[in-house]
């Protein structure tokens, strides 16, 4: 899938999650969120929670 070039230019959010570190989910509990991650998560939320256009009453 192709995404706009500006996705790569957005700032990266560096995070630390001690619980993820304990679980061994990510090395040292540190991981980065990129703009593309946010876009993908928004798509998952839309499908998971059935967020759609309002239904006319």
C-alpha atoms as a PDB file:
ATOM      1  CA  UNK A   1       0.000   0.000   0.000  1.00  0.00           C
ATOM      2  CA  UNK A   2       1.316   3.463  -0.852  1.00  0.00           C
ATOM      3  CA  UNK A   3       1.224   6.287   1.647  1.00  0.00           C
ATOM      4  CA  UNK A   4       1.928  10.010   1.228  1.00  0.00           C
ATOM      5  CA  UNK A   5       5.554  11.093   1.598  1.00  0.00           C
ATOM      6  CA  UNK A   6       4.777  13.410   4.525  1.00  0.00           C
ATOM      7  CA  UNK A   7       4.149  10.369   6.732  1.00  0.00           C
ATOM      8  CA  UNK A   8       7.913   9.850   6.823  1.00  0.00           C
ATOM      9  CA  UNK A   9       8.522  13.483   7.800  1.00  0.00           C
ATOM     10  CA  UNK A  10       6.294  13.488  10.883  1.00  0.00           C
ATOM     11  CA  UNK A  11       8.084  13.427  14.259  1.00  0.00           C
ATOM     12  CA  UNK A  12       8.596  10.065  15.922  1.00  0.00           C
ATOM     13  CA  UNK A  13       7.297   9.562  19.455  1.00  0.00           C
ATOM     14  CA  UNK A  14       9.791   7.597  21.569  1.00  0.00           C
ATOM     15  CA  UNK A  15       8.113   5.682  24.369  1.00  0.00           C
ATOM     16  CA  UNK A  16       9.031   3.490  27.297  1.00  0.00           C
ATOM     17  CA  UNK A  17       6.632   0.933  28.706  1.00  0.00           C
ATOM     18  CA  UNK A  18       7.896  -0.827  31.832  1.00  0.00           C
ATOM     19  CA  UNK A  19       5.132  -3.424  31.646  1.00  0.00           C
ATOM     20  CA  UNK A  20       6.133  -4.323  28.082  1.00  0.00           C
ATOM     21  CA  UNK A  21       9.709  -4.636  29.339  1.00  0.00           C
ATOM     22  CA  UNK A  22       8.633  -7.056  32.088  1.00  0.00           C
ATOM     23  CA  UNK A  23       6.657  -9.120  29.592  1.00  0.00           C
ATOM     24  CA  UNK A  24       9.536  -9.057  27.136  1.00  0.00           C
ATOM     25  CA  UNK A  25       7.235  -7.679  24.442  1.00  0.00           C
ATOM     26  CA  UNK A  26       9.846  -5.148  23.295  1.00  0.00           C
ATOM     27  CA  UNK A  27      13.555  -4.994  23.985  1.00  0.00           C
ATOM     28  CA  UNK A  28      14.177  -2.867  27.043  1.00  0.00           C
ATOM     29  CA  UNK A  29      10.575  -1.607  27.030  1.00  0.00           C
ATOM     30  CA  UNK A  30      11.459   1.037  24.457  1.00  0.00           C
ATOM     31  CA  UNK A  31       9.677   1.481  21.158  1.00  0.00           C
ATOM     32  CA  UNK A  32       8.772   4.213  18.717  1.00  0.00           C
ATOM     33  CA  UNK A  33       5.444   5.326  17.320  1.00  0.00           C
ATOM     34  CA  UNK A  34       5.510   6.655  13.787  1.00  0.00           C
ATOM     35  CA  UNK A  35       2.744   8.556  12.026  1.00  0.00           C
ATOM     36  CA  UNK A  36       1.962   5.466   9.972  1.00  0.00           C
ATOM     37  CA  UNK A  37       1.393   3.530  13.212  1.00  0.00           C
ATOM     38  CA  UNK A  38      -1.234   6.096  14.245  1.00  0.00           C
ATOM     39  CA  UNK A  39      -2.916   5.851  10.839  1.00  0.00           C
ATOM     40  CA  UNK A  40      -3.027   2.078  11.033  1.00  0.00           C
ATOM     41  CA  UNK A  41      -4.341   2.121  14.606  1.00  0.00           C
ATOM     42  CA  UNK A  42      -7.092   4.532  13.578  1.00  0.00           C
ATOM     43  CA  UNK A  43      -8.118   2.101  10.845  1.00  0.00           C
ATOM     44  CA  UNK A  44      -8.196  -0.794  13.303  1.00  0.00           C
ATOM     45  CA  UNK A  45     -10.327   1.236  15.723  1.00  0.00           C
ATOM     46  CA  UNK A  46     -12.760   2.102  12.966  1.00  0.00           C
ATOM     47  CA  UNK A  47     -13.206  -1.572  12.074  1.00  0.00           C
ATOM     48  CA  UNK A  48     -13.101  -2.907  15.645  1.00  0.00           C
ATOM     49  CA  UNK A  49     -15.587  -0.480  17.117  1.00  0.00           C
ATOM     50  CA  UNK A  50     -17.667  -0.141  13.966  1.00  0.00           C
ATOM     51  CA  UNK A  51     -17.173   3.611  13.907  1.00  0.00           C
ATOM     52  CA  UNK A  52     -18.940   4.753  10.800  1.00  0.00           C
ATOM     53  CA  UNK A  53     -20.962   7.577   9.401  1.00  0.00           C
ATOM     54  CA  UNK A  54     -23.908   8.553  11.594  1.00  0.00           C
ATOM     55  CA  UNK A  55     -27.133   6.834  10.697  1.00  0.00           C
ATOM     56  CA  UNK A  56     -29.970   9.151   9.781  1.00  0.00           C
ATOM     57  CA  UNK A  57     -32.974   8.790  12.092  1.00  0.00           C
END
